[in-house]
Amino acid sequence: MLSILAATLLFLMRALTLLVIADVLVGYFLDHYHPIRRFLDAIVQPMLEPIRRVMPQAGPLDFSPLILIILIELMGRILLELVL
């Protein structure tokens, strides 16, 4: 039972991390109204907005996706420790 829960949690962490990376990459190439970009933005942007409100601007660079990936990994590891 615990191994299934741990495997599911790991899968969700990796999937969310990949979605964040895909959103960043797609943002460079696709128009804002492209269906793939809108789908990814609908998932990732609500998680990035609170981080962007707290973080200071670093010029043209946006570090909020990196912070989100770090937070996903941290929360996942904490939850894995609680599960195992």
PDB file of N, CA and C in Angstrom:
ATOM      1  N   MET A   1       0.819  -1.199   0.000  1.00  0.00           N
ATOM      2  CA  MET A   1       0.000   0.000   0.000  1.00  0.00           C
ATOM      3  C   MET A   1       0.859   1.258   0.000  1.00  0.00           C
ATOM      4  N   LEU A   2       1.855   1.308   0.882  1.00  0.00           N
ATOM      5  CA  LEU A   2       2.691   2.492   0.959  1.00  0.00           C
ATOM      6  C   LEU A   2       3.532   2.685  -0.296  1.00  0.00           C
ATOM      7  N   SER A   3       3.978   1.591  -0.879  1.00  0.00           N
ATOM      8  CA  SER A   3       4.807   1.737  -2.067  1.00  0.00           C
ATOM      9  C   SER A   3       3.984   2.279  -3.244  1.00  0.00           C
ATOM     10  N   ILE A   4       2.711   1.903  -3.311  1.00  0.00           N
ATOM     11  CA  ILE A   4       1.846   2.440  -4.369  1.00  0.00           C
ATOM     12  C   ILE A   4       1.635   3.934  -4.156  1.00  0.00           C
ATOM     13  N   LEU A   5       1.422   4.332  -2.915  1.00  0.00           N
ATOM     14  CA  LEU A   5       1.239   5.748  -2.593  1.00  0.00           C
ATOM     15  C   LEU A   5       2.517   6.534  -2.872  1.00  0.00           C
ATOM     16  N   ALA A   6       3.657   5.971  -2.513  1.00  0.00           N
ATOM     17  CA  ALA A   6       4.931   6.640  -2.770  1.00  0.00           C
ATOM     18  C   ALA A   6       5.195   6.745  -4.267  1.00  0.00           C
ATOM     19  N   ALA A   7       4.903   5.696  -5.012  1.00  0.00           N
ATOM     20  CA  ALA A   7       5.107   5.722  -6.465  1.00  0.00           C
ATOM     21  C   ALA A   7       4.183   6.748  -7.120  1.00  0.00           C
ATOM     22  N   THR A   8       2.963   6.842  -6.655  1.00  0.00           N
ATOM     23  CA  THR A   8       2.024   7.827  -7.189  1.00  0.00           C
ATOM     24  C   THR A   8       2.497   9.239  -6.888  1.00  0.00           C
ATOM     25  N   LEU A   9       2.979   9.456  -5.694  1.00  0.00           N
ATOM     26  CA  LEU A   9       3.479  10.770  -5.314  1.00  0.00           C
ATOM     27  C   LEU A   9       4.693  11.152  -6.158  1.00  0.00           C
ATOM     28  N   LEU A  10       5.605  10.224  -6.366  1.00  0.00           N
ATOM     29  CA  LEU A  10       6.763  10.483  -7.223  1.00  0.00           C
ATOM     30  C   LEU A  10       6.343  10.802  -8.653  1.00  0.00           C
ATOM     31  N   PHE A  11       5.370  10.054  -9.162  1.00  0.00           N
ATOM     32  CA  PHE A  11       4.876  10.302 -10.515  1.00  0.00           C
ATOM     33  C   PHE A  11       4.279  11.699 -10.629  1.00  0.00           C
ATOM     34  N   LEU A  12       3.480  12.099  -9.653  1.00  0.00           N
ATOM     35  CA  LEU A  12       2.856  13.423  -9.679  1.00  0.00           C
ATOM     36  C   LEU A  12       3.894  14.541  -9.586  1.00  0.00           C
ATOM     37  N   MET A  13       4.926  14.329  -8.767  1.00  0.00           N
ATOM     38  CA  MET A  13       5.998  15.315  -8.666  1.00  0.00           C
ATOM     39  C   MET A  13       6.703  15.487 -10.004  1.00  0.00           C
ATOM     40  N   ARG A  14       7.046  14.376 -10.630  1.00  0.00           N
ATOM     41  CA  ARG A  14       7.756  14.441 -11.912  1.00  0.00           C
ATOM     42  C   ARG A  14       6.872  15.034 -13.009  1.00  0.00           C
ATOM     43  N   ALA A  15       5.604  14.667 -13.001  1.00  0.00           N
ATOM     44  CA  ALA A  15       4.683  15.194 -14.019  1.00  0.00           C
ATOM     45  C   ALA A  15       4.520  16.704 -13.865  1.00  0.00           C
ATOM     46  N   LEU A  16       4.371  17.173 -12.643  1.00  0.00           N
ATOM     47  CA  LEU A  16       4.219  18.608 -12.418  1.00  0.00           C
ATOM     48  C   LEU A  16       5.499  19.356 -12.778  1.00  0.00           C
ATOM     49  N   THR A  17       6.644  18.791 -12.450  1.00  0.00           N
ATOM     50  CA  THR A  17       7.912  19.403 -12.828  1.00  0.00           C
ATOM     51  C   THR A  17       8.043  19.489 -14.339  1.00  0.00           C
ATOM     52  N   LEU A  18       7.684  18.435 -15.038  1.00  0.00           N
ATOM     53  CA  LEU A  18       7.747  18.446 -16.503  1.00  0.00           C
ATOM     54  C   LEU A  18       6.768  19.455 -17.100  1.00  0.00           C
ATOM     55  N   LEU A  19       5.611  19.605 -16.487  1.00  0.00           N
ATOM     56  CA  LEU A  19       4.649  20.604 -16.964  1.00  0.00           C
ATOM     57  C   LEU A  19       5.197  22.021 -16.814  1.00  0.00           C
ATOM     58  N   VAL A  20       5.896  22.282 -15.717  1.00  0.00           N
ATOM     59  CA  VAL A  20       6.490  23.609 -15.516  1.00  0.00           C
ATOM     60  C   VAL A  20       7.568  23.859 -16.572  1.00  0.00           C
ATOM     61  N   ILE A  21       8.424  22.877 -16.798  1.00  0.00           N
ATOM     62  CA  ILE A  21       9.480  23.022 -17.804  1.00  0.00           C
ATOM     63  C   ILE A  21       8.876  23.190 -19.194  1.00  0.00           C
ATOM     64  N   ALA A  22       7.853  22.405 -19.503  1.00  0.00           N
ATOM     65  CA  ALA A  22       7.201  22.516 -20.809  1.00  0.00           C
ATOM     66  C   ALA A  22       6.560  23.888 -20.978  1.00  0.00           C
ATOM     67  N   ASP A  23       5.956  24.411 -19.925  1.00  0.00           N
ATOM     68  CA  ASP A  23       5.335  25.731 -20.006  1.00  0.00           C
ATOM     69  C   ASP A  23       6.368  26.808 -20.304  1.00  0.00           C
ATOM     70  N   VAL A  24       7.526  26.710 -19.673  1.00  0.00           N
ATOM     71  CA  VAL A  24       8.590  27.690 -19.920  1.00  0.00           C
ATOM     72  C   VAL A  24       9.069  27.591 -21.365  1.00  0.00           C
ATOM     73  N   LEU A  25       9.318  26.383 -21.835  1.00  0.00           N
ATOM     74  CA  LEU A  25       9.821  26.200 -23.200  1.00  0.00           C
ATOM     75  C   LEU A  25       8.793  26.601 -24.247  1.00  0.00           C
ATOM     76  N   VAL A  26       7.552  26.216 -24.044  1.00  0.00           N
ATOM     77  CA  VAL A  26       6.490  26.539 -24.992  1.00  0.00           C
ATOM     78  C   VAL A  26       6.264  28.046 -25.037  1.00  0.00           C
ATOM     79  N   GLY A  27       6.502  28.730 -23.913  1.00  0.00           N
ATOM     80  CA  GLY A  27       6.331  30.172 -23.859  1.00  0.00           C
ATOM     81  C   GLY A  27       7.240  30.927 -24.820  1.00  0.00           C
ATOM     82  N   TYR A  28       8.355  30.319 -25.186  1.00  0.00           N
ATOM     83  CA  TYR A  28       9.274  30.968 -26.118  1.00  0.00           C
ATOM     84  C   TYR A  28       8.851  30.806 -27.573  1.00  0.00           C
ATOM     85  N   PHE A  29       8.103  29.757 -27.869  1.00  0.00           N
ATOM     86  CA  PHE A  29       7.855  29.419 -29.267  1.00  0.00           C
ATOM     87  C   PHE A  29       6.420  29.589 -29.734  1.00  0.00           C
ATOM     88  N   LEU A  30       5.459  29.443 -28.843  1.00  0.00           N
ATOM     89  CA  LEU A  30       4.060  29.469 -29.265  1.00  0.00           C
ATOM     90  C   LEU A  30       3.376  30.768 -28.865  1.00  0.00           C
ATOM     91  N   ASP A  31       2.399  31.148 -29.642  1.00  0.00           N
ATOM     92  CA  ASP A  31       1.587  32.319 -29.378  1.00  0.00           C
ATOM     93  C   ASP A  31       0.766  32.102 -28.104  1.00  0.00           C
ATOM     94  N   HIS A  32       0.390  33.189 -27.442  1.00  0.00           N
ATOM     95  CA  HIS A  32      -0.405  33.096 -26.205  1.00  0.00           C
ATOM     96  C   HIS A  32      -1.734  32.378 -26.414  1.00  0.00           C
ATOM     97  N   TYR A  33      -2.250  32.386 -27.632  1.00  0.00           N
ATOM     98  CA  TYR A  33      -3.569  31.810 -27.885  1.00  0.00           C
ATOM     99  C   TYR A  33      -3.518  30.398 -28.443  1.00  0.00           C
ATOM    100  N   HIS A  34      -2.338  29.835 -28.541  1.00  0.00           N
ATOM    101  CA  HIS A  34      -2.213  28.453 -29.015  1.00  0.00           C
ATOM    102  C   HIS A  34      -2.816  27.525 -27.960  1.00  0.00           C
ATOM    103  N   PRO A  35      -3.583  26.499 -28.381  1.00  0.00           N
ATOM    104  CA  PRO A  35      -4.259  25.629 -27.403  1.00  0.00           C
ATOM    105  C   PRO A  35      -3.313  24.917 -26.434  1.00  0.00           C
ATOM    106  N   ILE A  36      -2.149  24.513 -26.904  1.00  0.00           N
ATOM    107  CA  ILE A  36      -1.204  23.824 -26.007  1.00  0.00           C
ATOM    108  C   ILE A  36      -0.690  24.792 -24.947  1.00  0.00           C
ATOM    109  N   ARG A  37      -0.360  25.995 -25.382  1.00  0.00           N
ATOM    110  CA  ARG A  37       0.135  26.982 -24.422  1.00  0.00           C
ATOM    111  C   ARG A  37      -0.949  27.383 -23.436  1.00  0.00           C
ATOM    112  N   ARG A  38      -2.162  27.541 -23.896  1.00  0.00           N
ATOM    113  CA  ARG A  38      -3.259  27.886 -22.991  1.00  0.00           C
ATOM    114  C   ARG A  38      -3.506  26.781 -21.972  1.00  0.00           C
ATOM    115  N   PHE A  39      -3.403  25.515 -22.406  1.00  0.00           N
ATOM    116  CA  PHE A  39      -3.568  24.373 -21.501  1.00  0.00           C
ATOM    117  C   PHE A  39      -2.488  24.389 -20.424  1.00  0.00           C
ATOM    118  N   LEU A  40      -1.227  24.549 -20.838  1.00  0.00           N
ATOM    119  CA  LEU A  40      -0.129  24.562 -19.874  1.00  0.00           C
ATOM    120  C   LEU A  40      -0.216  25.769 -18.943  1.00  0.00           C
ATOM    121  N   ASP A  41      -0.557  26.924 -19.503  1.00  0.00           N
ATOM    122  CA  ASP A  41      -0.700  28.122 -18.672  1.00  0.00           C
ATOM    123  C   ASP A  41      -1.810  27.966 -17.639  1.00  0.00           C
ATOM    124  N   ALA A  42      -2.887  27.301 -18.025  1.00  0.00           N
ATOM    125  CA  ALA A  42      -3.999  27.104 -17.087  1.00  0.00           C
ATOM    126  C   ALA A  42      -3.582  26.241 -15.898  1.00  0.00           C
ATOM    127  N   ILE A  43      -2.625  25.357 -16.100  1.00  0.00           N
ATOM    128  CA  ILE A  43      -2.155  24.492 -15.010  1.00  0.00           C
ATOM    129  C   ILE A  43      -1.055  25.163 -14.198  1.00  0.00           C
ATOM    130  N   VAL A  44      -0.093  25.769 -14.869  1.00  0.00           N
ATOM    131  CA  VAL A  44       1.126  26.237 -14.205  1.00  0.00           C
ATOM    132  C   VAL A  44       0.998  27.665 -13.665  1.00  0.00           C
ATOM    133  N   GLN A  45       0.359  28.559 -14.389  1.00  0.00           N
ATOM    134  CA  GLN A  45       0.325  29.970 -13.985  1.00  0.00           C
ATOM    135  C   GLN A  45      -0.296  30.210 -12.604  1.00  0.00           C
ATOM    136  N   PRO A  46      -1.356  29.514 -12.209  1.00  0.00           N
ATOM    137  CA  PRO A  46      -1.876  29.746 -10.849  1.00  0.00           C
ATOM    138  C   PRO A  46      -0.874  29.416  -9.745  1.00  0.00           C
ATOM    139  N   MET A  47       0.059  28.512 -10.016  1.00  0.00           N
ATOM    140  CA  MET A  47       1.086  28.195  -9.026  1.00  0.00           C
ATOM    141  C   MET A  47       2.227  29.209  -9.062  1.00  0.00           C
ATOM    142  N   LEU A  48       2.446  29.842 -10.213  1.00  0.00           N
ATOM    143  CA  LEU A  48       3.536  30.808 -10.342  1.00  0.00           C
ATOM    144  C   LEU A  48       3.170  32.188  -9.819  1.00  0.00           C
ATOM    145  N   GLU A  49       1.908  32.559  -9.886  1.00  0.00           N
ATOM    146  CA  GLU A  49       1.488  33.911  -9.492  1.00  0.00           C
ATOM    147  C   GLU A  49       1.862  34.267  -8.056  1.00  0.00           C
ATOM    148  N   PRO A  50       1.597  33.415  -7.050  1.00  0.00           N
ATOM    149  CA  PRO A  50       1.999  33.789  -5.683  1.00  0.00           C
ATOM    150  C   PRO A  50       3.511  33.959  -5.537  1.00  0.00           C
ATOM    151  N   ILE A  51       4.276  33.157  -6.258  1.00  0.00           N
ATOM    152  CA  ILE A  51       5.730  33.276  -6.201  1.00  0.00           C
ATOM    153  C   ILE A  51       6.165  34.595  -6.820  1.00  0.00           C
ATOM    154  N   ARG A  52       5.555  34.978  -7.917  1.00  0.00           N
ATOM    155  CA  ARG A  52       5.906  36.239  -8.586  1.00  0.00           C
ATOM    156  C   ARG A  52       5.543  37.449  -7.729  1.00  0.00           C
ATOM    157  N   ARG A  53       4.487  37.338  -6.933  1.00  0.00           N
ATOM    158  CA  ARG A  53       4.115  38.448  -6.060  1.00  0.00           C
ATOM    159  C   ARG A  53       5.135  38.652  -4.947  1.00  0.00           C
ATOM    160  N   VAL A  54       5.740  37.559  -4.482  1.00  0.00           N
ATOM    161  CA  VAL A  54       6.674  37.632  -3.356  1.00  0.00           C
ATOM    162  C   VAL A  54       8.093  37.959  -3.813  1.00  0.00           C
ATOM    163  N   MET A  55       8.512  37.406  -4.939  1.00  0.00           N
ATOM    164  CA  MET A  55       9.887  37.581  -5.410  1.00  0.00           C
ATOM    165  C   MET A  55      10.095  38.960  -6.028  1.00  0.00           C
ATOM    166  N   PRO A  56      11.254  39.556  -5.771  1.00  0.00           N
ATOM    167  CA  PRO A  56      11.558  40.822  -6.458  1.00  0.00           C
ATOM    168  C   PRO A  56      11.920  40.554  -7.922  1.00  0.00           C
ATOM    169  N   GLN A  57      11.731  41.567  -8.756  1.00  0.00           N
ATOM    170  CA  GLN A  57      12.076  41.442 -10.169  1.00  0.00           C
ATOM    171  C   GLN A  57      13.588  41.359 -10.318  1.00  0.00           C
ATOM    172  N   ALA A  58      14.029  40.489 -11.236  1.00  0.00           N
ATOM    173  CA  ALA A  58      15.462  40.349 -11.530  1.00  0.00           C
ATOM    174  C   ALA A  58      15.712  40.799 -12.959  1.00  0.00           C
ATOM    175  N   GLY A  59      15.238  41.981 -13.280  1.00  0.00           N
ATOM    176  CA  GLY A  59      15.376  42.471 -14.646  1.00  0.00           C
ATOM    177  C   GLY A  59      14.457  41.682 -15.560  1.00  0.00           C
ATOM    178  N   PRO A  60      14.952  41.277 -16.721  1.00  0.00           N
ATOM    179  CA  PRO A  60      14.101  40.533 -17.656  1.00  0.00           C
ATOM    180  C   PRO A  60      14.006  39.038 -17.329  1.00  0.00           C
ATOM    181  N   LEU A  61      14.743  38.593 -16.323  1.00  0.00           N
ATOM    182  CA  LEU A  61      14.742  37.167 -15.979  1.00  0.00           C
ATOM    183  C   LEU A  61      13.626  36.839 -15.001  1.00  0.00           C
ATOM    184  N   ASP A  62      12.977  35.708 -15.222  1.00  0.00           N
ATOM    185  CA  ASP A  62      11.897  35.247 -14.356  1.00  0.00           C
ATOM    186  C   ASP A  62      12.341  33.941 -13.703  1.00  0.00           C
ATOM    187  N   PHE A  63      12.633  34.014 -12.422  1.00  0.00           N
ATOM    188  CA  PHE A  63      13.107  32.840 -11.696  1.00  0.00           C
ATOM    189  C   PHE A  63      11.974  32.071 -11.013  1.00  0.00           C
ATOM    190  N   SER A  64      10.742  32.516 -11.170  1.00  0.00           N
ATOM    191  CA  SER A  64       9.631  31.858 -10.482  1.00  0.00           C
ATOM    192  C   SER A  64       9.443  30.397 -10.904  1.00  0.00           C
ATOM    193  N   PRO A  65       9.638  29.993 -12.170  1.00  0.00           N
ATOM    194  CA  PRO A  65       9.531  28.561 -12.475  1.00  0.00           C
ATOM    195  C   PRO A  65      10.585  27.716 -11.752  1.00  0.00           C
ATOM    196  N   LEU A  66      11.790  28.261 -11.616  1.00  0.00           N
ATOM    197  CA  LEU A  66      12.841  27.544 -10.896  1.00  0.00           C
ATOM    198  C   LEU A  66      12.474  27.382  -9.421  1.00  0.00           C
ATOM    199  N   ILE A  67      11.950  28.441  -8.822  1.00  0.00           N
ATOM    200  CA  ILE A  67      11.513  28.373  -7.422  1.00  0.00           C
ATOM    201  C   ILE A  67      10.372  27.373  -7.274  1.00  0.00           C
ATOM    202  N   LEU A  68       9.449  27.358  -8.229  1.00  0.00           N
ATOM    203  CA  LEU A  68       8.334  26.411  -8.174  1.00  0.00           C
ATOM    204  C   LEU A  68       8.834  24.973  -8.260  1.00  0.00           C
ATOM    205  N   ILE A  69       9.785  24.705  -9.123  1.00  0.00           N
ATOM    206  CA  ILE A  69      10.340  23.343  -9.236  1.00  0.00           C
ATOM    207  C   ILE A  69      11.026  22.943  -7.933  1.00  0.00           C
ATOM    208  N   ILE A  70      11.762  23.862  -7.336  1.00  0.00           N
ATOM    209  CA  ILE A  70      12.414  23.566  -6.054  1.00  0.00           C
ATOM    210  C   ILE A  70      11.368  23.284  -4.983  1.00  0.00           C
ATOM    211  N   LEU A  71      10.300  24.076  -4.952  1.00  0.00           N
ATOM    212  CA  LEU A  71       9.236  23.852  -3.962  1.00  0.00           C
ATOM    213  C   LEU A  71       8.521  22.520  -4.183  1.00  0.00           C
ATOM    214  N   ILE A  72       8.303  22.158  -5.443  1.00  0.00           N
ATOM    215  CA  ILE A  72       7.674  20.863  -5.745  1.00  0.00           C
ATOM    216  C   ILE A  72       8.542  19.727  -5.214  1.00  0.00           C
ATOM    217  N   GLU A  73       9.836  19.814  -5.471  1.00  0.00           N
ATOM    218  CA  GLU A  73      10.759  18.778  -4.998  1.00  0.00           C
ATOM    219  C   GLU A  73      10.801  18.726  -3.473  1.00  0.00           C
ATOM    220  N   LEU A  74      10.860  19.890  -2.841  1.00  0.00           N
ATOM    221  CA  LEU A  74      10.900  19.937  -1.376  1.00  0.00           C
ATOM    222  C   LEU A  74       9.632  19.344  -0.761  1.00  0.00           C
ATOM    223  N   MET A  75       8.486  19.777  -1.254  1.00  0.00           N
ATOM    224  CA  MET A  75       7.228  19.268  -0.704  1.00  0.00           C
ATOM    225  C   MET A  75       7.076  17.782  -0.976  1.00  0.00           C
ATOM    226  N   GLY A  76       7.510  17.345  -2.153  1.00  0.00           N
ATOM    227  CA  GLY A  76       7.433  15.923  -2.467  1.00  0.00           C
ATOM    228  C   GLY A  76       8.297  15.088  -1.560  1.00  0.00           C
ATOM    229  N   ARG A  77       9.502  15.564  -1.285  1.00  0.00           N
ATOM    230  CA  ARG A  77      10.402  14.811  -0.392  1.00  0.00           C
ATOM    231  C   ARG A  77       9.863  14.769   1.036  1.00  0.00           C
ATOM    232  N   ILE A  78       9.291  15.878   1.484  1.00  0.00           N
ATOM    233  CA  ILE A  78       8.694  15.890   2.830  1.00  0.00           C
ATOM    234  C   ILE A  78       7.532  14.915   2.894  1.00  0.00           C
ATOM    235  N   LEU A  79       6.664  14.941   1.870  1.00  0.00           N
ATOM    236  CA  LEU A  79       5.531  14.009   1.859  1.00  0.00           C
ATOM    237  C   LEU A  79       5.981  12.558   1.757  1.00  0.00           C
ATOM    238  N   LEU A  80       7.031  12.308   0.991  1.00  0.00           N
ATOM    239  CA  LEU A  80       7.562  10.942   0.900  1.00  0.00           C
ATOM    240  C   LEU A  80       8.084  10.461   2.236  1.00  0.00           C
ATOM    241  N   GLU A  81       8.755  11.356   2.970  1.00  0.00           N
ATOM    242  CA  GLU A  81       9.246  10.977   4.300  1.00  0.00           C
ATOM    243  C   GLU A  81       8.091  10.658   5.243  1.00  0.00           C
ATOM    244  N   LEU A  82       6.993  11.401   5.117  1.00  0.00           N
ATOM    245  CA  LEU A  82       5.824  11.139   5.962  1.00  0.00           C
ATOM    246  C   LEU A  82       5.143   9.831   5.590  1.00  0.00           C
ATOM    247  N   VAL A  83       5.143   9.507   4.291  1.00  0.00           N
ATOM    248  CA  VAL A  83       4.473   8.294   3.819  1.00  0.00           C
ATOM    249  C   VAL A  83       5.294   7.060   4.165  1.00  0.00           C
ATOM    250  N   LEU A  84       6.606   7.165   3.963  1.00  0.00           N
ATOM    251  CA  LEU A  84       7.464   5.988   4.189  1.00  0.00           C
ATOM    252  C   LEU A  84       7.822   5.866   5.601  1.00  0.00           C
TER     253      LEU A  84
END
